[in-house]
């Protein structure tokens, strides 16, 4: 007699089968129990987003720094990248647009000391509301997203003002026009 199975999205659980006759050896009964136990274990879905597969094939991943094996160390890098990287980007974009701190403050209806704080890489504490206002003042996009550490590692190499500068929309249009 074939056992009836119950299917769930994450695993399949066999129904109880007919009782095992007493003449069945202990190993066979143990194998049945193991089979039922294994079938009851949740099956982890395999996630292979198409974009990550394509980007991995087209752009081999850079090697990750050995120190990043330490969990706390690599998350400290993430925090430092956000706190310091954002401050450097604010300054690079302000200067690239020929604005003084006072001039940017006027665009944002704030004072010069606020701009000075936002540009201080040791200060941190940037929030999304402020970053959105800055993106609007700079006429550029703001993207906040979760990324793999390999992508972070690849992006840490170039912190020149040119690399940190985000073109305005009109600059992009001008650059793309033949």
N, C-alpha and C. Protein backbone atom coordinates (compact mmCIF):
# COMPACT_ATOMS: atom_id res chain seq x y z
N UNK A 1 0.85 -1.18 0.00
CA UNK A 1 0.00 0.00 0.00
C UNK A 1 0.89 1.24 0.00
N UNK A 2 0.61 2.19 -0.88
CA UNK A 2 1.40 3.42 -0.99
C UNK A 2 0.94 4.41 0.07
N UNK A 3 1.89 5.05 0.77
CA UNK A 3 1.48 6.06 1.75
C UNK A 3 0.98 7.31 1.04
N UNK A 4 0.04 7.97 1.67
CA UNK A 4 -0.46 9.25 1.17
C UNK A 4 0.41 10.33 1.79
N UNK A 5 0.78 11.31 1.01
CA UNK A 5 1.63 12.38 1.54
C UNK A 5 0.86 13.69 1.60
N UNK A 6 1.24 14.51 2.53
CA UNK A 6 0.69 15.86 2.66
C UNK A 6 1.78 16.82 2.22
N UNK A 7 1.47 17.70 1.29
CA UNK A 7 2.46 18.65 0.80
C UNK A 7 2.21 20.03 1.38
N UNK A 8 3.27 20.66 1.79
CA UNK A 8 3.26 22.03 2.25
C UNK A 8 4.27 22.77 1.38
N UNK A 9 4.18 24.08 1.29
CA UNK A 9 5.13 24.79 0.43
C UNK A 9 6.59 24.54 0.79
N UNK A 10 6.88 24.29 2.04
CA UNK A 10 8.27 24.17 2.45
C UNK A 10 8.73 22.74 2.72
N UNK A 11 7.81 21.77 2.85
CA UNK A 11 8.22 20.38 2.99
C UNK A 11 7.06 19.45 2.71
N UNK A 12 7.38 18.18 2.53
CA UNK A 12 6.37 17.15 2.31
C UNK A 12 6.45 16.16 3.46
N UNK A 13 5.32 15.87 4.06
CA UNK A 13 5.27 14.98 5.21
C UNK A 13 4.48 13.73 4.84
N UNK A 14 5.12 12.56 4.87
CA UNK A 14 4.36 11.35 4.56
C UNK A 14 3.33 11.08 5.65
N UNK A 15 2.18 10.56 5.26
CA UNK A 15 1.17 10.15 6.23
C UNK A 15 1.62 8.86 6.88
N UNK A 16 0.94 8.52 7.93
CA UNK A 16 1.25 7.26 8.60
C UNK A 16 0.95 6.11 7.64
N UNK A 17 1.82 5.16 7.62
CA UNK A 17 1.60 3.99 6.76
C UNK A 17 0.98 2.89 7.60
N UNK A 18 0.70 1.80 6.96
CA UNK A 18 0.14 0.67 7.69
C UNK A 18 1.18 0.18 8.69
N UNK A 19 0.74 -0.37 9.80
CA UNK A 19 1.70 -0.83 10.81
C UNK A 19 2.68 -1.84 10.22
N UNK A 20 3.89 -1.79 10.74
CA UNK A 20 4.93 -2.69 10.27
C UNK A 20 4.68 -4.07 10.87
N UNK A 21 4.70 -5.09 10.03
CA UNK A 21 4.50 -6.43 10.58
C UNK A 21 5.64 -6.79 11.53
N UNK A 22 5.35 -7.60 12.54
CA UNK A 22 6.37 -7.95 13.52
C UNK A 22 7.60 -8.63 12.92
N UNK A 23 7.45 -9.31 11.76
CA UNK A 23 8.59 -10.01 11.18
C UNK A 23 9.59 -9.07 10.51
N UNK A 24 9.24 -7.73 10.32
CA UNK A 24 10.16 -6.78 9.71
C UNK A 24 11.30 -6.51 10.68
N UNK A 25 12.50 -6.51 10.16
CA UNK A 25 13.64 -6.32 11.06
C UNK A 25 13.75 -4.88 11.55
N UNK A 26 14.48 -4.71 12.62
CA UNK A 26 14.62 -3.41 13.28
C UNK A 26 15.26 -2.37 12.37
N UNK A 27 16.23 -2.74 11.53
CA UNK A 27 16.89 -1.78 10.64
C UNK A 27 15.92 -1.18 9.64
N UNK A 28 15.02 -1.98 9.11
CA UNK A 28 14.03 -1.47 8.16
C UNK A 28 13.12 -0.48 8.84
N UNK A 29 12.70 -0.79 10.06
CA UNK A 29 11.82 0.12 10.79
C UNK A 29 12.55 1.41 11.12
N UNK A 30 13.84 1.31 11.47
CA UNK A 30 14.63 2.50 11.75
C UNK A 30 14.79 3.36 10.49
N UNK A 31 15.01 2.73 9.35
CA UNK A 31 15.11 3.46 8.08
C UNK A 31 13.81 4.20 7.78
N UNK A 32 12.67 3.57 8.08
CA UNK A 32 11.37 4.23 7.87
C UNK A 32 11.25 5.47 8.75
N UNK A 33 11.66 5.35 10.00
CA UNK A 33 11.58 6.49 10.92
C UNK A 33 12.49 7.62 10.42
N UNK A 34 13.69 7.28 9.98
CA UNK A 34 14.62 8.29 9.47
C UNK A 34 14.05 8.97 8.23
N UNK A 35 13.45 8.19 7.34
CA UNK A 35 12.85 8.75 6.12
C UNK A 35 11.74 9.73 6.48
N UNK A 36 10.88 9.34 7.42
CA UNK A 36 9.79 10.23 7.84
C UNK A 36 10.35 11.49 8.48
N UNK A 37 11.37 11.33 9.34
CA UNK A 37 11.99 12.49 10.00
C UNK A 37 12.60 13.44 8.97
N UNK A 38 13.34 12.90 8.01
CA UNK A 38 13.98 13.74 7.00
C UNK A 38 12.95 14.44 6.12
N UNK A 39 11.87 13.75 5.82
CA UNK A 39 10.83 14.37 4.99
C UNK A 39 10.13 15.50 5.73
N UNK A 40 10.11 15.41 7.06
CA UNK A 40 9.43 16.44 7.86
C UNK A 40 10.29 17.69 8.06
N UNK A 41 11.58 17.61 7.72
CA UNK A 41 12.46 18.76 7.90
C UNK A 41 12.16 19.80 6.83
N UNK A 42 12.09 21.08 7.23
CA UNK A 42 11.85 22.14 6.25
C UNK A 42 12.95 22.15 5.20
N UNK A 43 12.56 22.34 3.97
CA UNK A 43 13.52 22.43 2.88
C UNK A 43 13.77 23.90 2.58
N UNK A 44 15.02 24.30 2.62
CA UNK A 44 15.38 25.69 2.37
C UNK A 44 15.34 25.95 0.87
N UNK A 45 14.57 26.94 0.45
CA UNK A 45 14.56 27.26 -0.98
C UNK A 45 15.91 27.82 -1.41
N UNK A 46 16.30 27.54 -2.61
CA UNK A 46 17.54 28.06 -3.16
C UNK A 46 17.22 29.35 -3.88
N UNK A 47 17.88 30.42 -3.48
CA UNK A 47 17.65 31.72 -4.11
C UNK A 47 18.85 32.09 -4.96
N UNK A 48 18.63 32.23 -6.23
CA UNK A 48 19.66 32.67 -7.14
C UNK A 48 19.06 33.75 -8.02
N UNK A 49 18.98 34.99 -7.49
CA UNK A 49 18.42 36.06 -8.31
C UNK A 49 19.18 36.18 -9.63
N UNK A 50 18.44 36.32 -10.69
CA UNK A 50 19.05 36.39 -12.02
C UNK A 50 20.10 37.48 -12.10
N UNK A 51 19.82 38.63 -11.51
CA UNK A 51 20.77 39.74 -11.61
C UNK A 51 22.10 39.41 -10.97
N UNK A 52 22.09 38.69 -9.82
CA UNK A 52 23.36 38.37 -9.17
C UNK A 52 24.13 37.33 -9.96
N UNK A 53 23.42 36.38 -10.57
CA UNK A 53 24.09 35.37 -11.38
C UNK A 53 24.73 36.02 -12.59
N UNK A 54 23.99 36.88 -13.27
CA UNK A 54 24.52 37.55 -14.46
C UNK A 54 25.70 38.44 -14.09
N UNK A 55 25.56 39.23 -13.01
CA UNK A 55 26.65 40.13 -12.65
C UNK A 55 27.88 39.36 -12.21
N UNK A 56 27.69 38.19 -11.58
CA UNK A 56 28.83 37.39 -11.16
C UNK A 56 29.55 36.82 -12.38
N UNK A 57 28.80 36.41 -13.38
CA UNK A 57 29.41 35.86 -14.58
C UNK A 57 30.14 36.95 -15.36
N UNK A 58 29.51 38.12 -15.49
CA UNK A 58 30.10 39.19 -16.27
C UNK A 58 31.19 39.95 -15.51
N UNK A 59 31.03 40.08 -14.21
CA UNK A 59 31.99 40.81 -13.38
C UNK A 59 32.42 39.92 -12.22
N UNK A 60 33.54 39.23 -12.34
CA UNK A 60 33.97 38.37 -11.24
C UNK A 60 34.09 39.17 -9.94
N UNK A 61 33.73 38.54 -8.84
CA UNK A 61 33.76 39.22 -7.55
C UNK A 61 35.19 39.50 -7.12
N UNK A 62 35.40 40.68 -6.53
CA UNK A 62 36.74 40.97 -6.02
C UNK A 62 36.99 40.13 -4.78
N UNK A 63 38.25 39.94 -4.45
CA UNK A 63 38.53 39.20 -3.23
C UNK A 63 38.22 40.10 -2.04
N UNK A 64 37.67 39.49 -1.02
CA UNK A 64 37.31 40.25 0.18
C UNK A 64 38.53 40.32 1.09
N UNK A 65 38.72 41.45 1.76
CA UNK A 65 39.85 41.57 2.69
C UNK A 65 39.78 40.49 3.77
N UNK A 66 40.92 39.95 4.14
CA UNK A 66 40.97 38.87 5.13
C UNK A 66 40.38 39.29 6.47
N UNK A 67 40.53 40.56 6.84
CA UNK A 67 40.02 41.04 8.13
C UNK A 67 38.50 40.96 8.21
N UNK A 68 37.85 40.92 7.05
CA UNK A 68 36.39 40.92 7.03
C UNK A 68 35.80 39.61 7.51
N UNK A 69 36.65 38.63 7.78
CA UNK A 69 36.17 37.37 8.35
C UNK A 69 35.53 37.65 9.72
N UNK A 70 36.06 38.64 10.43
CA UNK A 70 35.52 39.02 11.73
C UNK A 70 34.22 39.79 11.55
N UNK A 71 33.13 39.27 12.11
CA UNK A 71 31.79 39.85 11.97
C UNK A 71 31.74 41.32 12.40
N UNK A 72 32.25 41.61 13.60
CA UNK A 72 32.20 42.98 14.11
C UNK A 72 33.03 43.92 13.24
N UNK A 73 34.17 43.45 12.77
CA UNK A 73 35.04 44.28 11.93
C UNK A 73 34.33 44.68 10.65
N UNK A 74 33.73 43.69 9.97
CA UNK A 74 33.11 44.01 8.67
C UNK A 74 31.89 44.91 8.85
N UNK A 75 31.18 44.78 9.96
CA UNK A 75 30.04 45.68 10.18
C UNK A 75 30.50 47.07 10.62
N UNK A 76 31.67 47.15 11.24
CA UNK A 76 32.25 48.46 11.54
C UNK A 76 32.62 49.17 10.23
N UNK A 77 33.08 48.40 9.24
CA UNK A 77 33.40 48.97 7.92
C UNK A 77 32.13 49.52 7.28
N UNK A 78 31.04 48.78 7.40
CA UNK A 78 29.75 49.23 6.84
C UNK A 78 29.36 50.57 7.47
N UNK A 79 29.42 50.64 8.81
CA UNK A 79 29.04 51.87 9.50
C UNK A 79 29.96 53.03 9.13
N UNK A 80 31.26 52.78 9.10
CA UNK A 80 32.21 53.84 8.74
C UNK A 80 31.98 54.31 7.31
N UNK A 81 31.68 53.38 6.43
CA UNK A 81 31.42 53.74 5.04
C UNK A 81 30.21 54.66 4.94
N UNK A 82 29.20 54.38 5.72
CA UNK A 82 28.00 55.23 5.69
C UNK A 82 28.31 56.59 6.32
N UNK A 83 28.83 56.58 7.54
CA UNK A 83 29.06 57.84 8.25
C UNK A 83 30.08 58.73 7.55
N UNK A 84 31.21 58.16 7.18
CA UNK A 84 32.26 58.96 6.56
C UNK A 84 32.01 59.17 5.08
N UNK A 85 31.58 58.13 4.40
CA UNK A 85 31.35 58.23 2.96
C UNK A 85 30.29 59.26 2.60
N UNK A 86 29.22 59.30 3.38
CA UNK A 86 28.15 60.28 3.12
C UNK A 86 28.69 61.70 3.33
N UNK A 87 29.45 61.89 4.41
CA UNK A 87 30.02 63.22 4.68
C UNK A 87 30.91 63.67 3.52
N UNK A 88 31.75 62.76 3.03
CA UNK A 88 32.64 63.11 1.91
C UNK A 88 31.83 63.40 0.65
N UNK A 89 30.76 62.64 0.44
CA UNK A 89 29.92 62.88 -0.75
C UNK A 89 29.23 64.23 -0.67
N UNK A 90 28.76 64.59 0.50
CA UNK A 90 28.09 65.89 0.64
C UNK A 90 29.07 67.00 0.26
N UNK A 91 30.27 66.92 0.81
CA UNK A 91 31.26 67.96 0.51
C UNK A 91 31.64 67.97 -0.97
N UNK A 92 31.90 66.78 -1.54
CA UNK A 92 32.29 66.70 -2.96
C UNK A 92 31.20 67.26 -3.86
N UNK A 93 29.95 66.98 -3.54
CA UNK A 93 28.85 67.47 -4.38
C UNK A 93 28.61 68.96 -4.18
N UNK A 94 28.78 69.44 -2.97
CA UNK A 94 28.65 70.89 -2.74
C UNK A 94 29.73 71.64 -3.50
N UNK A 95 30.99 71.20 -3.32
CA UNK A 95 32.10 71.88 -3.97
C UNK A 95 32.03 71.72 -5.49
N UNK A 96 31.63 70.56 -5.97
CA UNK A 96 31.52 70.32 -7.41
C UNK A 96 30.48 71.21 -8.07
N UNK A 97 29.54 71.69 -7.30
CA UNK A 97 28.51 72.59 -7.82
C UNK A 97 28.86 74.06 -7.56
N UNK A 98 30.07 74.28 -7.03
CA UNK A 98 30.51 75.65 -6.79
C UNK A 98 29.78 76.33 -5.64
N UNK A 99 29.27 75.56 -4.70
CA UNK A 99 28.52 76.15 -3.58
C UNK A 99 29.40 76.24 -2.34
N UNK A 100 29.23 77.29 -1.59
CA UNK A 100 29.85 77.38 -0.27
C UNK A 100 28.92 76.67 0.72
N UNK A 101 29.40 76.45 1.93
CA UNK A 101 28.51 75.88 2.94
C UNK A 101 27.32 76.80 3.18
N UNK A 102 27.59 78.09 3.20
CA UNK A 102 26.52 79.06 3.40
C UNK A 102 25.51 79.02 2.24
N UNK A 103 26.02 78.88 1.01
CA UNK A 103 25.14 78.82 -0.16
C UNK A 103 24.24 77.58 -0.14
N UNK A 104 24.81 76.42 0.23
CA UNK A 104 24.01 75.20 0.32
C UNK A 104 23.00 75.33 1.46
N UNK A 105 23.42 75.93 2.55
CA UNK A 105 22.51 76.13 3.69
C UNK A 105 21.31 76.97 3.26
N UNK A 106 21.54 78.00 2.45
CA UNK A 106 20.44 78.85 1.98
C UNK A 106 19.46 78.04 1.12
N UNK A 107 19.99 77.15 0.26
CA UNK A 107 19.12 76.30 -0.57
C UNK A 107 18.24 75.38 0.28
N UNK A 108 18.78 74.96 1.43
CA UNK A 108 18.08 74.00 2.29
C UNK A 108 17.33 74.67 3.44
N UNK A 109 17.38 76.00 3.47
CA UNK A 109 16.72 76.74 4.54
C UNK A 109 17.21 76.29 5.93
N UNK A 110 18.53 76.21 6.05
CA UNK A 110 19.15 75.85 7.32
C UNK A 110 20.35 76.76 7.53
N UNK A 111 21.13 76.52 8.56
CA UNK A 111 22.29 77.38 8.77
C UNK A 111 23.58 76.67 8.36
N UNK A 112 24.63 77.46 8.21
CA UNK A 112 25.93 76.96 7.74
C UNK A 112 26.49 75.90 8.68
N UNK A 113 26.23 76.01 9.97
CA UNK A 113 26.77 75.04 10.93
C UNK A 113 26.18 73.64 10.70
N UNK A 114 24.95 73.57 10.21
CA UNK A 114 24.35 72.26 9.89
C UNK A 114 25.11 71.60 8.75
N UNK A 115 25.45 72.39 7.73
CA UNK A 115 26.21 71.85 6.60
C UNK A 115 27.58 71.38 7.08
N UNK A 116 28.21 72.16 7.94
CA UNK A 116 29.51 71.79 8.49
C UNK A 116 29.42 70.46 9.24
N UNK A 117 28.38 70.26 10.03
CA UNK A 117 28.18 69.00 10.76
C UNK A 117 27.99 67.83 9.78
N UNK A 118 27.17 68.03 8.74
CA UNK A 118 26.90 66.96 7.78
C UNK A 118 28.16 66.56 7.01
N UNK A 119 29.07 67.52 6.83
CA UNK A 119 30.31 67.25 6.09
C UNK A 119 31.43 66.72 6.98
N UNK A 120 31.20 66.64 8.27
CA UNK A 120 32.21 66.16 9.20
C UNK A 120 32.20 64.62 9.22
N UNK A 121 33.24 63.97 8.69
CA UNK A 121 33.24 62.51 8.61
C UNK A 121 33.28 61.81 9.97
N UNK A 122 33.66 62.52 11.00
CA UNK A 122 33.71 61.91 12.33
C UNK A 122 32.39 62.07 13.09
N UNK A 123 31.49 62.81 12.54
CA UNK A 123 30.24 63.12 13.24
C UNK A 123 29.17 62.07 12.99
N UNK A 124 28.94 61.71 11.73
CA UNK A 124 27.90 60.73 11.41
C UNK A 124 26.51 61.26 11.72
N UNK A 125 25.58 60.35 11.91
CA UNK A 125 24.22 60.73 12.29
C UNK A 125 23.36 61.29 11.17
N UNK A 126 23.67 60.97 9.94
CA UNK A 126 22.84 61.44 8.82
C UNK A 126 21.53 60.67 8.83
N UNK A 127 20.45 61.34 8.49
CA UNK A 127 19.17 60.63 8.40
C UNK A 127 18.61 60.73 6.99
N UNK A 128 17.67 59.86 6.69
CA UNK A 128 17.12 59.82 5.32
C UNK A 128 16.46 61.12 4.91
N UNK A 129 15.77 61.76 5.83
CA UNK A 129 15.09 63.01 5.49
C UNK A 129 16.10 64.06 5.01
N UNK A 130 17.20 64.18 5.74
CA UNK A 130 18.25 65.13 5.36
C UNK A 130 18.88 64.74 4.03
N UNK A 131 19.16 63.46 3.86
CA UNK A 131 19.78 63.01 2.60
C UNK A 131 18.86 63.25 1.41
N UNK A 132 17.56 63.07 1.59
CA UNK A 132 16.61 63.36 0.51
C UNK A 132 16.60 64.85 0.16
N UNK A 133 16.67 65.70 1.18
CA UNK A 133 16.73 67.15 0.93
C UNK A 133 18.01 67.51 0.17
N UNK A 134 19.12 66.89 0.57
CA UNK A 134 20.38 67.16 -0.11
C UNK A 134 20.33 66.69 -1.56
N UNK A 135 19.77 65.50 -1.79
CA UNK A 135 19.65 65.00 -3.17
C UNK A 135 18.82 65.95 -4.02
N UNK A 136 17.78 66.49 -3.44
CA UNK A 136 16.93 67.44 -4.17
C UNK A 136 17.72 68.72 -4.47
N UNK A 137 18.46 69.22 -3.47
CA UNK A 137 19.25 70.43 -3.67
C UNK A 137 20.36 70.21 -4.71
N UNK A 138 20.94 69.00 -4.72
CA UNK A 138 22.00 68.68 -5.68
C UNK A 138 21.43 68.23 -7.03
N UNK A 139 20.12 68.05 -7.12
CA UNK A 139 19.44 67.55 -8.32
C UNK A 139 20.05 66.24 -8.81
N UNK A 140 20.19 65.31 -7.85
CA UNK A 140 20.68 63.97 -8.18
C UNK A 140 19.82 62.95 -7.44
N UNK A 141 20.01 61.71 -7.75
CA UNK A 141 19.24 60.64 -7.11
C UNK A 141 19.91 60.20 -5.81
N UNK A 142 19.11 59.62 -4.94
CA UNK A 142 19.62 59.01 -3.71
C UNK A 142 19.17 57.56 -3.74
N UNK A 143 20.10 56.65 -3.51
CA UNK A 143 19.76 55.23 -3.48
C UNK A 143 20.25 54.64 -2.17
N UNK A 144 19.36 54.00 -1.44
CA UNK A 144 19.71 53.30 -0.21
C UNK A 144 19.28 51.86 -0.42
N UNK A 145 20.22 50.93 -0.33
CA UNK A 145 19.87 49.53 -0.57
C UNK A 145 20.84 48.61 0.16
N UNK A 146 20.41 47.38 0.38
CA UNK A 146 21.26 46.36 0.97
C UNK A 146 22.08 45.72 -0.16
N UNK A 147 23.37 45.52 0.12
CA UNK A 147 24.25 44.95 -0.91
C UNK A 147 25.14 43.88 -0.28
N UNK A 148 25.68 42.98 -1.10
CA UNK A 148 26.63 42.00 -0.57
C UNK A 148 27.97 42.69 -0.25
N UNK A 149 28.72 42.07 0.64
CA UNK A 149 30.01 42.66 1.04
C UNK A 149 30.97 42.79 -0.13
N UNK A 150 30.87 41.90 -1.11
CA UNK A 150 31.77 41.99 -2.27
C UNK A 150 31.53 43.29 -3.03
N UNK A 151 30.27 43.72 -3.11
CA UNK A 151 29.96 44.98 -3.79
C UNK A 151 30.50 46.16 -2.99
N UNK A 152 30.37 46.08 -1.67
CA UNK A 152 30.91 47.14 -0.82
C UNK A 152 32.42 47.23 -0.99
N UNK A 153 33.08 46.09 -0.97
CA UNK A 153 34.53 46.06 -1.11
C UNK A 153 34.97 46.71 -2.42
N UNK A 154 34.27 46.40 -3.49
CA UNK A 154 34.62 46.96 -4.80
C UNK A 154 34.41 48.47 -4.84
N UNK A 155 33.45 48.98 -4.08
CA UNK A 155 33.13 50.41 -4.13
C UNK A 155 34.02 51.26 -3.23
N UNK A 156 34.78 50.64 -2.35
CA UNK A 156 35.59 51.40 -1.39
C UNK A 156 36.88 51.95 -1.97
N UNK A 157 37.27 51.49 -3.13
CA UNK A 157 38.57 51.86 -3.68
C UNK A 157 38.76 53.31 -4.04
N UNK A 158 37.79 53.94 -4.67
CA UNK A 158 38.00 55.29 -5.20
C UNK A 158 37.14 56.29 -4.43
N UNK A 159 37.79 57.11 -3.63
CA UNK A 159 37.08 58.14 -2.87
C UNK A 159 37.50 59.54 -3.30
N UNK A 160 37.93 59.66 -4.54
CA UNK A 160 38.30 60.98 -5.05
C UNK A 160 37.04 61.83 -5.19
N UNK A 161 37.18 63.16 -5.13
CA UNK A 161 36.01 64.02 -5.31
C UNK A 161 35.27 63.73 -6.62
N UNK A 162 36.02 63.42 -7.68
CA UNK A 162 35.39 63.11 -8.96
C UNK A 162 34.50 61.86 -8.85
N UNK A 163 35.00 60.83 -8.14
CA UNK A 163 34.23 59.59 -7.99
C UNK A 163 33.02 59.78 -7.08
N UNK A 164 33.10 60.71 -6.14
CA UNK A 164 32.00 60.94 -5.20
C UNK A 164 30.96 61.91 -5.74
N UNK A 165 31.28 62.60 -6.81
CA UNK A 165 30.37 63.59 -7.39
C UNK A 165 29.25 62.89 -8.15
N UNK A 166 28.01 63.31 -7.88
CA UNK A 166 26.84 62.79 -8.61
C UNK A 166 26.38 63.88 -9.57
N UNK A 167 26.40 63.58 -10.84
CA UNK A 167 25.96 64.56 -11.85
C UNK A 167 24.51 64.96 -11.62
N UNK A 168 24.22 66.21 -11.97
CA UNK A 168 22.83 66.66 -11.92
C UNK A 168 22.10 66.08 -13.12
N UNK A 169 20.80 66.12 -13.10
CA UNK A 169 20.02 65.62 -14.23
C UNK A 169 20.37 66.38 -15.52
N UNK A 170 20.41 67.73 -15.48
CA UNK A 170 20.78 68.45 -16.70
C UNK A 170 22.18 68.08 -17.21
N UNK A 171 23.13 67.85 -16.30
CA UNK A 171 24.47 67.43 -16.72
C UNK A 171 24.43 66.08 -17.43
N UNK A 172 23.61 65.17 -16.92
CA UNK A 172 23.49 63.86 -17.57
C UNK A 172 22.90 63.98 -18.97
N UNK A 173 21.88 64.82 -19.11
CA UNK A 173 21.25 65.03 -20.42
C UNK A 173 22.27 65.62 -21.38
N UNK A 174 23.00 66.62 -20.90
CA UNK A 174 24.01 67.28 -21.74
C UNK A 174 25.10 66.29 -22.16
N UNK A 175 25.53 65.43 -21.22
CA UNK A 175 26.58 64.45 -21.52
C UNK A 175 26.11 63.37 -22.49
N UNK A 176 24.81 63.09 -22.49
CA UNK A 176 24.31 62.01 -23.36
C UNK A 176 23.88 62.51 -24.74
N UNK A 177 23.84 63.83 -24.92
CA UNK A 177 23.43 64.39 -26.21
C UNK A 177 24.63 64.41 -27.15
N UNK A 178 24.46 63.88 -28.41
CA UNK A 178 25.60 63.85 -29.34
C UNK A 178 26.02 65.21 -29.83
